[in-house]
Amino acid sequence: MTLARSLYRRGYPRQEILELFRFIDWVLALPEFLEDQWTGRASACSRQSRHRWKPGHCGC
């Protein structure tokens, strides 16, 4: 989530950030316990931010 927040603060367009996370998702598979942790953090961040993430791996 730190990466996404940092990219948003630096003005990167939402679409480019999503494309980056899709690439990361393609090359990296998270263990199940980290997948659950990521989903929880992405959902919490989405509630606190004007940028909405869909639940699921890497917010995609």
C-alpha atoms as a PDB file:
ATOM      1  CA  MET A   1       0.000   0.000   0.000  1.00  0.00           C
ATOM      2  CA  THR A   2       2.926   2.310   0.591  1.00  0.00           C
ATOM      3  CA  LEU A   3       3.850   2.138  -3.075  1.00  0.00           C
ATOM      4  CA  ALA A   4       0.327   2.969  -4.245  1.00  0.00           C
ATOM      5  CA  ARG A   5       0.009   5.914  -1.849  1.00  0.00           C
ATOM      6  CA  SER A   6       3.409   7.230  -2.851  1.00  0.00           C
ATOM      7  CA  LEU A   7       2.594   7.018  -6.559  1.00  0.00           C
ATOM      8  CA  TYR A   8      -0.752   8.798  -6.036  1.00  0.00           C
ATOM      9  CA  ARG A   9       0.962  11.565  -4.048  1.00  0.00           C
ATOM     10  CA  ARG A  10       3.466  12.011  -6.860  1.00  0.00           C
ATOM     11  CA  GLY A  11       0.665  12.488  -9.347  1.00  0.00           C
ATOM     12  CA  TYR A  12       0.798   9.243 -11.301  1.00  0.00           C
ATOM     13  CA  PRO A  13      -2.481   8.532 -13.102  1.00  0.00           C
ATOM     14  CA  ARG A  14      -4.659   5.798 -11.606  1.00  0.00           C
ATOM     15  CA  GLN A  15      -4.511   3.754 -14.809  1.00  0.00           C
ATOM     16  CA  GLU A  16      -0.701   3.645 -14.776  1.00  0.00           C
ATOM     17  CA  ILE A  17      -0.672   2.531 -11.148  1.00  0.00           C
ATOM     18  CA  LEU A  18      -3.170  -0.235 -11.906  1.00  0.00           C
ATOM     19  CA  GLU A  19      -1.068  -1.361 -14.868  1.00  0.00           C
ATOM     20  CA  LEU A  20       2.006  -1.506 -12.621  1.00  0.00           C
ATOM     21  CA  PHE A  21       0.143  -3.650 -10.093  1.00  0.00           C
ATOM     22  CA  ARG A  22      -1.136  -5.927 -12.851  1.00  0.00           C
ATOM     23  CA  PHE A  23       2.456  -6.459 -13.940  1.00  0.00           C
ATOM     24  CA  ILE A  24       3.558  -7.146 -10.366  1.00  0.00           C
ATOM     25  CA  ASP A  25       0.643  -9.555  -9.995  1.00  0.00           C
ATOM     26  CA  TRP A  26       1.725 -11.325 -13.173  1.00  0.00           C
ATOM     27  CA  VAL A  27       5.322 -11.871 -12.006  1.00  0.00           C
ATOM     28  CA  LEU A  28       4.726 -12.429  -8.292  1.00  0.00           C
ATOM     29  CA  ALA A  29       2.410 -14.861  -6.552  1.00  0.00           C
ATOM     30  CA  LEU A  30       1.794 -14.144  -2.871  1.00  0.00           C
ATOM     31  CA  PRO A  31       1.426 -16.888  -0.285  1.00  0.00           C
ATOM     32  CA  GLU A  32      -2.166 -17.191   0.922  1.00  0.00           C
ATOM     33  CA  PHE A  33      -1.557 -15.479   4.293  1.00  0.00           C
ATOM     34  CA  LEU A  34      -0.007 -12.458   2.536  1.00  0.00           C
ATOM     35  CA  GLU A  35      -2.813 -12.412  -0.022  1.00  0.00           C
ATOM     36  CA  ASP A  36      -5.315 -12.063   2.840  1.00  0.00           C
ATOM     37  CA  GLN A  37      -3.209  -9.355   4.461  1.00  0.00           C
ATOM     38  CA  TRP A  38      -2.984  -7.433   1.188  1.00  0.00           C
ATOM     39  CA  THR A  39      -6.730  -7.626   0.617  1.00  0.00           C
ATOM     40  CA  GLY A  40      -7.401  -6.265   4.098  1.00  0.00           C
ATOM     41  CA  ARG A  41      -4.981  -3.383   3.693  1.00  0.00           C
ATOM     42  CA  ALA A  42      -6.259  -2.513   0.222  1.00  0.00           C
ATOM     43  CA  SER A  43      -9.841  -2.425   1.519  1.00  0.00           C
ATOM     44  CA  ALA A  44      -8.860  -0.247   4.495  1.00  0.00           C
ATOM     45  CA  CYS A  45      -6.929   2.116   2.254  1.00  0.00           C
ATOM     46  CA  SER A  46      -9.849   2.327  -0.143  1.00  0.00           C
ATOM     47  CA  ARG A  47     -12.177   3.383   2.678  1.00  0.00           C
ATOM     48  CA  GLN A  48      -9.764   6.162   3.676  1.00  0.00           C
ATOM     49  CA  SER A  49      -8.962   7.397   0.194  1.00  0.00           C
ATOM     50  CA  ARG A  50     -10.738   9.019  -2.697  1.00  0.00           C
ATOM     51  CA  HIS A  51      -9.127   6.329  -4.876  1.00  0.00           C
ATOM     52  CA  ARG A  52     -11.168   3.150  -4.805  1.00  0.00           C
ATOM     53  CA  TRP A  53      -9.517  -0.245  -5.006  1.00  0.00           C
ATOM     54  CA  LYS A  54     -11.436  -3.382  -5.786  1.00  0.00           C
ATOM     55  CA  PRO A  55     -10.907  -6.121  -3.234  1.00  0.00           C
ATOM     56  CA  GLY A  56      -8.575  -8.832  -4.403  1.00  0.00           C
ATOM     57  CA  HIS A  57      -4.954  -9.349  -5.210  1.00  0.00           C
ATOM     58  CA  CYS A  58      -3.140  -6.060  -5.811  1.00  0.00           C
ATOM     59  CA  GLY A  59      -6.389  -4.143  -5.953  1.00  0.00           C
ATOM     60  CA  CYS A  60      -6.939  -4.978  -9.592  1.00  0.00           C
END
